[in-house]
């Protein structure tokens, strides 16, 4: 029986699944972050090793687990230089005598890719379609039947990430402060932020954001404040949500125009925290998209990204 590993390595955690040749997940393990661009290659290696160990040690398999293929879908991987770095990491994994597995990996059985691809494959169940990821950051990625790919966005919170929770939160705070100044129309966001952050005055946002040195994740976690205000009918909050939707729609249009020329049914899977809001953001997105492309099906993920990585790894053993 063939066994493969699927690795989903992101900025907050690493997930590893062990899959057999019938696509059954035998076990699953988690560990810390593995975006080597932000934490370095050694810390990334430690997280991946831990995730593999945590998964395999729970496997209900009597014989030794021999890994024939592996797919690592990692955040921050995009350039050829990144691929070479991670290839070295895979070699380190194979040399680790403390992992409870053996390896029979050929070069063709090692897949190293961006985590957008495994989110696509896991979300749809096959490597064809589009994934629209909108969480702390955002990216839209597509792959067609010919294997052509197109990525839009994913440039980070300073250079991009339109439609992300971070950009929604920033827009919401800007709107609240402009309203407080009298530069823009009144909005319930002023009181909403005060209540959510337990502020005596909206002016205390300065202390929260600057003096506490809040990072991207903490700021992005404020996006539900705008979402709830929009769901309650606030005009300003709804405008912010609609702007975010339009940015994600525009990015998706770009991918469709670039690599999907026919009019066949196309699955678009939506992943990330933004889509779980109460302001009907998912319905708004689907409405805009289907109006122009009636054959598009907007879906929620069928499986997690690590499962997508496992499917990609398994494909290499069946060629």
C-alpha atoms as a PDB file:
ATOM      1  CA  UNK A   1       0.000   0.000   0.000  1.00  0.00           C
ATOM      2  CA  UNK A   2       1.213   3.500  -0.833  1.00  0.00           C
ATOM      3  CA  UNK A   3       1.400   6.126   1.875  1.00  0.00           C
ATOM      4  CA  UNK A   4       1.843   9.840   1.218  1.00  0.00           C
ATOM      5  CA  UNK A   5       2.136  12.978   3.311  1.00  0.00           C
ATOM      6  CA  UNK A   6       0.230  16.186   2.701  1.00  0.00           C
ATOM      7  CA  UNK A   7       1.623  19.273   4.414  1.00  0.00           C
ATOM      8  CA  UNK A   8      -0.205  22.582   4.794  1.00  0.00           C
ATOM      9  CA  UNK A   9       2.224  25.134   6.178  1.00  0.00           C
ATOM     10  CA  UNK A  10       0.952  28.600   7.021  1.00  0.00           C
ATOM     11  CA  UNK A  11       1.731  31.621   9.100  1.00  0.00           C
ATOM     12  CA  UNK A  12      -0.078  30.358  12.193  1.00  0.00           C
ATOM     13  CA  UNK A  13       0.137  26.552  12.078  1.00  0.00           C
ATOM     14  CA  UNK A  14       1.295  23.501  10.130  1.00  0.00           C
ATOM     15  CA  UNK A  15      -1.023  20.587   9.382  1.00  0.00           C
ATOM     16  CA  UNK A  16       0.157  17.153   8.235  1.00  0.00           C
ATOM     17  CA  UNK A  17      -2.054  14.305   7.039  1.00  0.00           C
ATOM     18  CA  UNK A  18      -1.047  10.734   6.277  1.00  0.00           C
ATOM     19  CA  UNK A  19      -3.052   9.339   3.341  1.00  0.00           C
ATOM     20  CA  UNK A  20      -3.179   5.878   1.786  1.00  0.00           C
ATOM     21  CA  UNK A  21      -3.681   5.016  -1.886  1.00  0.00           C
ATOM     22  CA  UNK A  22      -7.471   4.958  -1.482  1.00  0.00           C
ATOM     23  CA  UNK A  23      -7.446   8.658  -0.512  1.00  0.00           C
ATOM     24  CA  UNK A  24      -8.276   7.797   3.088  1.00  0.00           C
ATOM     25  CA  UNK A  25      -6.776  10.032   5.770  1.00  0.00           C
ATOM     26  CA  UNK A  26      -5.252   7.728   8.379  1.00  0.00           C
ATOM     27  CA  UNK A  27      -4.119  10.381  10.817  1.00  0.00           C
ATOM     28  CA  UNK A  28      -3.547  14.096  11.237  1.00  0.00           C
ATOM     29  CA  UNK A  29      -1.072  16.195  13.203  1.00  0.00           C
ATOM     30  CA  UNK A  30      -0.525  19.882  13.879  1.00  0.00           C
ATOM     31  CA  UNK A  31       2.416  22.036  14.927  1.00  0.00           C
ATOM     32  CA  UNK A  32       3.516  25.676  14.841  1.00  0.00           C
ATOM     33  CA  UNK A  33       3.891  28.028  11.846  1.00  0.00           C
ATOM     34  CA  UNK A  34       6.000  27.194   8.793  1.00  0.00           C
ATOM     35  CA  UNK A  35       6.193  30.308   6.630  1.00  0.00           C
ATOM     36  CA  UNK A  36       9.952  30.372   6.249  1.00  0.00           C
ATOM     37  CA  UNK A  37       9.884  33.912   4.856  1.00  0.00           C
ATOM     38  CA  UNK A  38       8.834  35.176   8.283  1.00  0.00           C
ATOM     39  CA  UNK A  39      10.237  32.626  10.764  1.00  0.00           C
ATOM     40  CA  UNK A  40      13.285  31.237   8.941  1.00  0.00           C
ATOM     41  CA  UNK A  41      14.074  27.831   7.493  1.00  0.00           C
ATOM     42  CA  UNK A  42      15.213  26.188  10.751  1.00  0.00           C
ATOM     43  CA  UNK A  43      12.007  27.057  12.586  1.00  0.00           C
ATOM     44  CA  UNK A  44      10.039  25.935   9.532  1.00  0.00           C
ATOM     45  CA  UNK A  45      11.851  22.596   9.542  1.00  0.00           C
ATOM     46  CA  UNK A  46      11.067  22.109  13.226  1.00  0.00           C
ATOM     47  CA  UNK A  47       7.361  22.795  12.694  1.00  0.00           C
ATOM     48  CA  UNK A  48       7.086  20.413   9.758  1.00  0.00           C
ATOM     49  CA  UNK A  49       8.980  17.673  11.597  1.00  0.00           C
ATOM     50  CA  UNK A  50       6.713  18.091  14.604  1.00  0.00           C
ATOM     51  CA  UNK A  51       3.561  18.010  12.482  1.00  0.00           C
ATOM     52  CA  UNK A  52       4.714  14.806  10.748  1.00  0.00           C
ATOM     53  CA  UNK A  53       5.647  13.174  14.051  1.00  0.00           C
ATOM     54  CA  UNK A  54       2.366  14.191  15.680  1.00  0.00           C
ATOM     55  CA  UNK A  55       0.448  12.699  12.764  1.00  0.00           C
ATOM     56  CA  UNK A  56       2.324   9.447  12.245  1.00  0.00           C
ATOM     57  CA  UNK A  57       2.594   8.508  15.917  1.00  0.00           C
ATOM     58  CA  UNK A  58      -1.216   8.287  16.048  1.00  0.00           C
ATOM     59  CA  UNK A  59      -1.492   6.089  12.937  1.00  0.00           C
ATOM     60  CA  UNK A  60      -3.181   2.738  13.518  1.00  0.00           C
ATOM     61  CA  UNK A  61      -0.810   0.848  11.228  1.00  0.00           C
ATOM     62  CA  UNK A  62       0.998  -2.272  12.392  1.00  0.00           C
ATOM     63  CA  UNK A  63       3.858  -2.152   9.896  1.00  0.00           C
ATOM     64  CA  UNK A  64       6.403   0.605   9.359  1.00  0.00           C
ATOM     65  CA  UNK A  65       5.021   3.608   7.529  1.00  0.00           C
ATOM     66  CA  UNK A  66       6.926   4.072   4.297  1.00  0.00           C
ATOM     67  CA  UNK A  67       6.359   7.401   2.561  1.00  0.00           C
ATOM     68  CA  UNK A  68       6.387   7.241  -1.236  1.00  0.00           C
ATOM     69  CA  UNK A  69       5.405  10.838  -1.964  1.00  0.00           C
ATOM     70  CA  UNK A  70       5.069  14.173  -0.218  1.00  0.00           C
ATOM     71  CA  UNK A  71       3.463  17.490  -1.088  1.00  0.00           C
ATOM     72  CA  UNK A  72       4.349  20.617   0.846  1.00  0.00           C
ATOM     73  CA  UNK A  73       2.016  23.549   0.248  1.00  0.00           C
ATOM     74  CA  UNK A  74       3.668  26.406   2.099  1.00  0.00           C
ATOM     75  CA  UNK A  75       2.857  30.057   2.557  1.00  0.00           C
ATOM     76  CA  UNK A  76       5.526  32.336   1.116  1.00  0.00           C
ATOM     77  CA  UNK A  77       6.566  29.895  -1.623  1.00  0.00           C
ATOM     78  CA  UNK A  78       6.453  31.338  -5.118  1.00  0.00           C
ATOM     79  CA  UNK A  79       9.893  31.759  -6.659  1.00  0.00           C
ATOM     80  CA  UNK A  80      12.327  29.164  -7.983  1.00  0.00           C
ATOM     81  CA  UNK A  81      14.738  30.109  -5.202  1.00  0.00           C
ATOM     82  CA  UNK A  82      12.064  29.258  -2.621  1.00  0.00           C
ATOM     83  CA  UNK A  83      11.591  25.823  -4.165  1.00  0.00           C
ATOM     84  CA  UNK A  84      15.306  25.100  -3.873  1.00  0.00           C
ATOM     85  CA  UNK A  85      15.313  26.081  -0.206  1.00  0.00           C
ATOM     86  CA  UNK A  86      12.424  23.728   0.558  1.00  0.00           C
ATOM     87  CA  UNK A  87      14.065  20.900  -1.405  1.00  0.00           C
ATOM     88  CA  UNK A  88      16.904  21.122   1.092  1.00  0.00           C
ATOM     89  CA  UNK A  89      14.355  20.965   3.877  1.00  0.00           C
ATOM     90  CA  UNK A  90      12.875  17.741   2.444  1.00  0.00           C
ATOM     91  CA  UNK A  91      16.351  16.232   2.411  1.00  0.00           C
ATOM     92  CA  UNK A  92      16.678  17.115   6.091  1.00  0.00           C
ATOM     93  CA  UNK A  93      13.377  15.363   6.773  1.00  0.00           C
ATOM     94  CA  UNK A  94      14.612  12.187   5.108  1.00  0.00           C
ATOM     95  CA  UNK A  95      17.812  12.277   7.152  1.00  0.00           C
ATOM     96  CA  UNK A  96      15.926  12.634  10.445  1.00  0.00           C
ATOM     97  CA  UNK A  97      16.288   9.311  12.267  1.00  0.00           C
ATOM     98  CA  UNK A  98      13.779  10.286  14.955  1.00  0.00           C
ATOM     99  CA  UNK A  99      10.730  10.419  12.687  1.00  0.00           C
ATOM    100  CA  UNK A 100       8.831   7.072  12.917  1.00  0.00           C
ATOM    101  CA  UNK A 101       8.796   6.549   9.148  1.00  0.00           C
ATOM    102  CA  UNK A 102      10.938   5.411   6.234  1.00  0.00           C
ATOM    103  CA  UNK A 103      11.182   7.103   2.842  1.00  0.00           C
ATOM    104  CA  UNK A 104      11.313   5.921  -0.776  1.00  0.00           C
ATOM    105  CA  UNK A 105      11.051   9.314  -2.404  1.00  0.00           C
ATOM    106  CA  UNK A 106      11.984   9.944  -6.009  1.00  0.00           C
ATOM    107  CA  UNK A 107      12.366  13.548  -7.248  1.00  0.00           C
ATOM    108  CA  UNK A 108       9.093  13.223  -9.170  1.00  0.00           C
ATOM    109  CA  UNK A 109       7.302  12.283  -5.940  1.00  0.00           C
ATOM    110  CA  UNK A 110       8.171  15.540  -4.190  1.00  0.00           C
ATOM    111  CA  UNK A 111       5.806  18.446  -4.796  1.00  0.00           C
ATOM    112  CA  UNK A 112       6.620  21.876  -3.404  1.00  0.00           C
ATOM    113  CA  UNK A 113       4.074  24.601  -4.054  1.00  0.00           C
ATOM    114  CA  UNK A 114       2.301  27.638  -2.692  1.00  0.00           C
ATOM    115  CA  UNK A 115      -0.478  26.972  -0.212  1.00  0.00           C
ATOM    116  CA  UNK A 116      -3.003  28.480  -2.649  1.00  0.00           C
ATOM    117  CA  UNK A 117      -2.723  25.381  -4.877  1.00  0.00           C
ATOM    118  CA  UNK A 118      -3.444  22.926  -2.072  1.00  0.00           C
ATOM    119  CA  UNK A 119      -6.342  25.107  -0.918  1.00  0.00           C
ATOM    120  CA  UNK A 120      -7.729  24.871  -4.452  1.00  0.00           C
ATOM    121  CA  UNK A 121      -7.317  21.096  -4.687  1.00  0.00           C
ATOM    122  CA  UNK A 122      -8.635  20.463  -1.204  1.00  0.00           C
ATOM    123  CA  UNK A 123     -11.488  22.905  -1.574  1.00  0.00           C
ATOM    124  CA  UNK A 124     -12.762  21.549  -4.880  1.00  0.00           C
ATOM    125  CA  UNK A 125     -11.442  17.994  -4.716  1.00  0.00           C
ATOM    126  CA  UNK A 126      -9.513  18.315  -7.986  1.00  0.00           C
ATOM    127  CA  UNK A 127      -6.718  20.558  -9.340  1.00  0.00           C
ATOM    128  CA  UNK A 128      -8.964  22.565 -11.697  1.00  0.00           C
ATOM    129  CA  UNK A 129     -10.871  25.699 -10.713  1.00  0.00           C
ATOM    130  CA  UNK A 130     -10.315  28.860  -8.713  1.00  0.00           C
ATOM    131  CA  UNK A 131      -9.711  29.465  -5.024  1.00  0.00           C
ATOM    132  CA  UNK A 132     -10.545  32.867  -3.555  1.00  0.00           C
ATOM    133  CA  UNK A 133      -8.810  33.042  -0.193  1.00  0.00           C
ATOM    134  CA  UNK A 134      -9.836  35.936   2.041  1.00  0.00           C
ATOM    135  CA  UNK A 135      -8.636  35.680   5.600  1.00  0.00           C
ATOM    136  CA  UNK A 136      -6.025  37.834   7.302  1.00  0.00           C
ATOM    137  CA  UNK A 137      -4.660  38.353   3.781  1.00  0.00           C
ATOM    138  CA  UNK A 138      -6.083  37.573   0.357  1.00  0.00           C
ATOM    139  CA  UNK A 139      -5.149  35.845  -2.878  1.00  0.00           C
ATOM    140  CA  UNK A 140      -6.990  34.447  -5.900  1.00  0.00           C
ATOM    141  CA  UNK A 141      -5.461  31.463  -7.689  1.00  0.00           C
ATOM    142  CA  UNK A 142      -6.686  29.394 -10.612  1.00  0.00           C
ATOM    143  CA  UNK A 143      -5.627  26.344 -12.598  1.00  0.00           C
ATOM    144  CA  UNK A 144      -7.247  25.056 -15.805  1.00  0.00           C
ATOM    145  CA  UNK A 145      -7.405  21.613 -17.433  1.00  0.00           C
ATOM    146  CA  UNK A 146      -4.246  22.326 -19.431  1.00  0.00           C
ATOM    147  CA  UNK A 147      -2.282  22.996 -16.246  1.00  0.00           C
ATOM    148  CA  UNK A 148      -2.034  26.752 -16.843  1.00  0.00           C
ATOM    149  CA  UNK A 149      -2.157  28.790 -13.653  1.00  0.00           C
ATOM    150  CA  UNK A 150      -2.902  32.391 -12.779  1.00  0.00           C
ATOM    151  CA  UNK A 151      -2.394  34.150  -9.475  1.00  0.00           C
ATOM    152  CA  UNK A 152      -3.822  37.555  -8.570  1.00  0.00           C
ATOM    153  CA  UNK A 153      -2.934  39.307  -5.327  1.00  0.00           C
ATOM    154  CA  UNK A 154      -1.169  37.748  -2.382  1.00  0.00           C
ATOM    155  CA  UNK A 155       1.182  40.734  -2.121  1.00  0.00           C
ATOM    156  CA  UNK A 156       0.861  41.208   1.622  1.00  0.00           C
ATOM    157  CA  UNK A 157      -0.832  43.771   3.821  1.00  0.00           C
ATOM    158  CA  UNK A 158       1.301  46.731   2.659  1.00  0.00           C
ATOM    159  CA  UNK A 159       1.301  46.082  -1.093  1.00  0.00           C
ATOM    160  CA  UNK A 160      -2.024  44.319  -1.536  1.00  0.00           C
ATOM    161  CA  UNK A 161      -4.443  41.982   0.266  1.00  0.00           C
ATOM    162  CA  UNK A 162      -7.524  43.782  -1.040  1.00  0.00           C
ATOM    163  CA  UNK A 163     -10.697  42.191   0.291  1.00  0.00           C
ATOM    164  CA  UNK A 164      -8.890  40.722   3.289  1.00  0.00           C
ATOM    165  CA  UNK A 165      -9.918  40.957   6.932  1.00  0.00           C
ATOM    166  CA  UNK A 166      -6.978  43.283   7.523  1.00  0.00           C
ATOM    167  CA  UNK A 167      -8.036  45.748   4.827  1.00  0.00           C
ATOM    168  CA  UNK A 168     -11.669  45.607   6.000  1.00  0.00           C
ATOM    169  CA  UNK A 169     -10.563  46.389   9.560  1.00  0.00           C
ATOM    170  CA  UNK A 170      -8.352  49.288   8.472  1.00  0.00           C
ATOM    171  CA  UNK A 171     -11.160  50.743   6.340  1.00  0.00           C
ATOM    172  CA  UNK A 172     -13.544  50.413   9.269  1.00  0.00           C
ATOM    173  CA  UNK A 173     -11.265  52.251  11.688  1.00  0.00           C
ATOM    174  CA  UNK A 174     -10.592  54.962   9.107  1.00  0.00           C
ATOM    175  CA  UNK A 175     -14.326  55.446   8.601  1.00  0.00           C
ATOM    176  CA  UNK A 176     -14.992  55.610  12.341  1.00  0.00           C
ATOM    177  CA  UNK A 177     -12.317  58.249  12.891  1.00  0.00           C
ATOM    178  CA  UNK A 178     -13.420  60.316   9.885  1.00  0.00           C
ATOM    179  CA  UNK A 179     -16.974  60.204  11.188  1.00  0.00           C
ATOM    180  CA  UNK A 180     -15.768  61.298  14.628  1.00  0.00           C
ATOM    181  CA  UNK A 181     -13.895  64.194  13.006  1.00  0.00           C
ATOM    182  CA  UNK A 182     -16.992  65.235  11.095  1.00  0.00           C
ATOM    183  CA  UNK A 183     -15.326  64.608   7.725  1.00  0.00           C
ATOM    184  CA  UNK A 184     -17.680  61.772   6.782  1.00  0.00           C
ATOM    185  CA  UNK A 185     -21.262  60.727   7.523  1.00  0.00           C
ATOM    186  CA  UNK A 186     -22.215  59.327  10.942  1.00  0.00           C
ATOM    187  CA  UNK A 187     -21.672  55.601  11.440  1.00  0.00           C
ATOM    188  CA  UNK A 188     -22.358  53.112  14.204  1.00  0.00           C
ATOM    189  CA  UNK A 189     -18.752  51.960  13.834  1.00  0.00           C
ATOM    190  CA  UNK A 190     -17.661  54.617  16.340  1.00  0.00           C
ATOM    191  CA  UNK A 191     -19.671  53.056  19.143  1.00  0.00           C
ATOM    192  CA  UNK A 192     -19.016  49.544  17.845  1.00  0.00           C
ATOM    193  CA  UNK A 193     -15.249  49.937  18.190  1.00  0.00           C
ATOM    194  CA  UNK A 194     -15.619  51.595  21.580  1.00  0.00           C
ATOM    195  CA  UNK A 195     -17.711  48.691  22.844  1.00  0.00           C
ATOM    196  CA  UNK A 196     -15.579  45.941  21.269  1.00  0.00           C
ATOM    197  CA  UNK A 197     -12.287  47.339  22.592  1.00  0.00           C
ATOM    198  CA  UNK A 198     -13.701  48.771  25.835  1.00  0.00           C
ATOM    199  CA  UNK A 199     -12.612  52.318  24.949  1.00  0.00           C
ATOM    200  CA  UNK A 200     -13.706  55.429  26.813  1.00  0.00           C
ATOM    201  CA  UNK A 201     -13.379  57.373  23.554  1.00  0.00           C
ATOM    202  CA  UNK A 202     -12.738  56.432  19.938  1.00  0.00           C
ATOM    203  CA  UNK A 203      -9.593  58.546  20.287  1.00  0.00           C
ATOM    204  CA  UNK A 204      -8.176  55.692  22.377  1.00  0.00           C
ATOM    205  CA  UNK A 205      -7.712  53.705  19.155  1.00  0.00           C
ATOM    206  CA  UNK A 206      -4.352  55.463  18.990  1.00  0.00           C
ATOM    207  CA  UNK A 207      -3.217  53.743  22.167  1.00  0.00           C
ATOM    208  CA  UNK A 208      -4.518  50.358  21.012  1.00  0.00           C
ATOM    209  CA  UNK A 209      -3.046  50.380  17.523  1.00  0.00           C
ATOM    210  CA  UNK A 210       0.199  52.290  18.011  1.00  0.00           C
ATOM    211  CA  UNK A 211       1.303  51.985  21.618  1.00  0.00           C
ATOM    212  CA  UNK A 212       0.369  48.324  21.990  1.00  0.00           C
ATOM    213  CA  UNK A 213       2.161  47.683  18.688  1.00  0.00           C
ATOM    214  CA  UNK A 214      -0.653  45.634  17.244  1.00  0.00           C
ATOM    215  CA  UNK A 215       0.328  43.525  14.270  1.00  0.00           C
ATOM    216  CA  UNK A 216      -1.535  42.396  11.183  1.00  0.00           C
ATOM    217  CA  UNK A 217      -3.338  39.489  12.851  1.00  0.00           C
ATOM    218  CA  UNK A 218      -4.639  41.554  15.773  1.00  0.00           C
ATOM    219  CA  UNK A 219      -5.897  44.257  13.424  1.00  0.00           C
ATOM    220  CA  UNK A 220      -7.453  41.732  11.049  1.00  0.00           C
ATOM    221  CA  UNK A 221      -9.344  40.262  14.006  1.00  0.00           C
ATOM    222  CA  UNK A 222     -11.366  43.517  14.119  1.00  0.00           C
ATOM    223  CA  UNK A 223     -13.022  42.793  10.760  1.00  0.00           C
ATOM    224  CA  UNK A 224     -16.096  41.199  12.432  1.00  0.00           C
ATOM    225  CA  UNK A 225     -16.858  44.604  13.984  1.00  0.00           C
ATOM    226  CA  UNK A 226     -17.459  46.023  10.503  1.00  0.00           C
ATOM    227  CA  UNK A 227     -19.235  42.871   9.367  1.00  0.00           C
ATOM    228  CA  UNK A 228     -21.733  43.016  12.253  1.00  0.00           C
ATOM    229  CA  UNK A 229     -22.352  46.717  11.700  1.00  0.00           C
ATOM    230  CA  UNK A 230     -23.051  46.016   8.031  1.00  0.00           C
ATOM    231  CA  UNK A 231     -25.399  43.165   8.926  1.00  0.00           C
ATOM    232  CA  UNK A 232     -27.244  45.609  11.194  1.00  0.00           C
ATOM    233  CA  UNK A 233     -27.758  47.999   8.282  1.00  0.00           C
ATOM    234  CA  UNK A 234     -25.012  50.573   8.783  1.00  0.00           C
ATOM    235  CA  UNK A 235     -24.512  52.331   5.430  1.00  0.00           C
ATOM    236  CA  UNK A 236     -20.805  53.053   5.909  1.00  0.00           C
ATOM    237  CA  UNK A 237     -20.008  49.502   7.022  1.00  0.00           C
ATOM    238  CA  UNK A 238     -21.981  48.076   4.099  1.00  0.00           C
ATOM    239  CA  UNK A 239     -20.003  50.252   1.706  1.00  0.00           C
ATOM    240  CA  UNK A 240     -16.764  48.867   3.145  1.00  0.00           C
ATOM    241  CA  UNK A 241     -17.966  45.281   2.786  1.00  0.00           C
ATOM    242  CA  UNK A 242     -19.160  45.909  -0.760  1.00  0.00           C
ATOM    243  CA  UNK A 243     -15.799  47.463  -1.699  1.00  0.00           C
ATOM    244  CA  UNK A 244     -14.059  44.341  -0.360  1.00  0.00           C
ATOM    245  CA  UNK A 245     -16.388  42.105  -2.370  1.00  0.00           C
ATOM    246  CA  UNK A 246     -15.791  44.082  -5.550  1.00  0.00           C
ATOM    247  CA  UNK A 247     -12.011  43.779  -5.139  1.00  0.00           C
ATOM    248  CA  UNK A 248     -12.299  39.991  -4.783  1.00  0.00           C
ATOM    249  CA  UNK A 249     -14.682  39.841  -7.748  1.00  0.00           C
ATOM    250  CA  UNK A 250     -12.296  41.896  -9.876  1.00  0.00           C
ATOM    251  CA  UNK A 251      -9.414  39.580  -9.006  1.00  0.00           C
ATOM    252  CA  UNK A 252     -11.540  36.535  -9.837  1.00  0.00           C
ATOM    253  CA  UNK A 253     -12.605  38.052 -13.161  1.00  0.00           C
ATOM    254  CA  UNK A 254      -8.929  38.531 -13.974  1.00  0.00           C
ATOM    255  CA  UNK A 255      -8.170  34.848 -13.356  1.00  0.00           C
ATOM    256  CA  UNK A 256     -11.178  33.694 -15.392  1.00  0.00           C
ATOM    257  CA  UNK A 257     -10.273  35.940 -18.329  1.00  0.00           C
ATOM    258  CA  UNK A 258      -6.645  34.793 -18.229  1.00  0.00           C
ATOM    259  CA  UNK A 259      -6.978  30.992 -18.223  1.00  0.00           C
ATOM    260  CA  UNK A 260     -10.630  29.974 -18.586  1.00  0.00           C
ATOM    261  CA  UNK A 261     -11.689  30.848 -22.129  1.00  0.00           C
ATOM    262  CA  UNK A 262     -14.545  28.388 -22.584  1.00  0.00           C
ATOM    263  CA  UNK A 263     -18.009  28.532 -21.063  1.00  0.00           C
ATOM    264  CA  UNK A 264     -17.892  25.220 -19.209  1.00  0.00           C
ATOM    265  CA  UNK A 265     -18.958  24.945 -15.567  1.00  0.00           C
ATOM    266  CA  UNK A 266     -16.293  26.414 -13.319  1.00  0.00           C
ATOM    267  CA  UNK A 267     -15.987  25.832  -9.568  1.00  0.00           C
ATOM    268  CA  UNK A 268     -14.853  28.775  -7.445  1.00  0.00           C
ATOM    269  CA  UNK A 269     -14.111  27.818  -3.856  1.00  0.00           C
ATOM    270  CA  UNK A 270     -14.074  30.474  -1.142  1.00  0.00           C
ATOM    271  CA  UNK A 271     -11.787  29.991   1.852  1.00  0.00           C
ATOM    272  CA  UNK A 272     -10.884  32.137   4.837  1.00  0.00           C
ATOM    273  CA  UNK A 273     -12.512  33.920   7.761  1.00  0.00           C
ATOM    274  CA  UNK A 274     -13.995  36.787   5.721  1.00  0.00           C
ATOM    275  CA  UNK A 275     -16.554  34.459   4.114  1.00  0.00           C
ATOM    276  CA  UNK A 276     -17.983  33.432   7.482  1.00  0.00           C
ATOM    277  CA  UNK A 277     -19.382  36.895   8.181  1.00  0.00           C
ATOM    278  CA  UNK A 278     -23.017  37.780   8.784  1.00  0.00           C
ATOM    279  CA  UNK A 279     -23.291  40.578   6.217  1.00  0.00           C
ATOM    280  CA  UNK A 280     -24.033  38.165   3.346  1.00  0.00           C
ATOM    281  CA  UNK A 281     -20.583  38.734   1.883  1.00  0.00           C
ATOM    282  CA  UNK A 282     -20.584  35.266   0.305  1.00  0.00           C
ATOM    283  CA  UNK A 283     -23.945  35.887  -1.371  1.00  0.00           C
ATOM    284  CA  UNK A 284     -22.824  39.314  -2.606  1.00  0.00           C
ATOM    285  CA  UNK A 285     -19.668  37.837  -4.114  1.00  0.00           C
ATOM    286  CA  UNK A 286     -21.552  34.994  -5.803  1.00  0.00           C
ATOM    287  CA  UNK A 287     -24.153  37.421  -7.151  1.00  0.00           C
ATOM    288  CA  UNK A 288     -21.596  39.699  -8.814  1.00  0.00           C
ATOM    289  CA  UNK A 289     -19.677  36.731 -10.219  1.00  0.00           C
ATOM    290  CA  UNK A 290     -22.619  34.771 -11.606  1.00  0.00           C
ATOM    291  CA  UNK A 291     -24.100  37.873 -13.207  1.00  0.00           C
ATOM    292  CA  UNK A 292     -21.122  37.994 -15.589  1.00  0.00           C
ATOM    293  CA  UNK A 293     -20.271  34.278 -15.656  1.00  0.00           C
ATOM    294  CA  UNK A 294     -23.510  32.262 -15.306  1.00  0.00           C
ATOM    295  CA  UNK A 295     -21.662  28.921 -15.448  1.00  0.00           C
ATOM    296  CA  UNK A 296     -19.664  29.653 -12.307  1.00  0.00           C
ATOM    297  CA  UNK A 297     -20.461  27.675  -9.143  1.00  0.00           C
ATOM    298  CA  UNK A 298     -19.353  29.391  -5.917  1.00  0.00           C
ATOM    299  CA  UNK A 299     -18.792  26.814  -3.182  1.00  0.00           C
ATOM    300  CA  UNK A 300     -17.368  26.386   0.290  1.00  0.00           C
ATOM    301  CA  UNK A 301     -14.416  23.965   0.686  1.00  0.00           C
ATOM    302  CA  UNK A 302     -15.068  20.239   0.473  1.00  0.00           C
ATOM    303  CA  UNK A 303     -11.835  19.354   2.274  1.00  0.00           C
ATOM    304  CA  UNK A 304      -9.022  21.127   4.099  1.00  0.00           C
ATOM    305  CA  UNK A 305      -5.848  22.240   2.253  1.00  0.00           C
ATOM    306  CA  UNK A 306      -3.726  19.464   3.784  1.00  0.00           C
ATOM    307  CA  UNK A 307      -6.075  16.950   2.116  1.00  0.00           C
ATOM    308  CA  UNK A 308      -5.457  18.738  -1.176  1.00  0.00           C
ATOM    309  CA  UNK A 309      -1.730  18.337  -0.594  1.00  0.00           C
ATOM    310  CA  UNK A 310      -2.274  14.629   0.019  1.00  0.00           C
ATOM    311  CA  UNK A 311      -4.206  14.257  -3.244  1.00  0.00           C
ATOM    312  CA  UNK A 312      -1.435  15.997  -5.184  1.00  0.00           C
ATOM    313  CA  UNK A 313       1.179  13.727  -3.578  1.00  0.00           C
ATOM    314  CA  UNK A 314      -0.871  10.625  -4.336  1.00  0.00           C
ATOM    315  CA  UNK A 315      -1.131  11.562  -8.004  1.00  0.00           C
ATOM    316  CA  UNK A 316       2.639  11.254  -8.371  1.00  0.00           C
ATOM    317  CA  UNK A 317       2.526   7.594  -7.277  1.00  0.00           C
ATOM    318  CA  UNK A 318      -0.071   6.755  -9.907  1.00  0.00           C
ATOM    319  CA  UNK A 319       1.700   8.154 -12.967  1.00  0.00           C
END
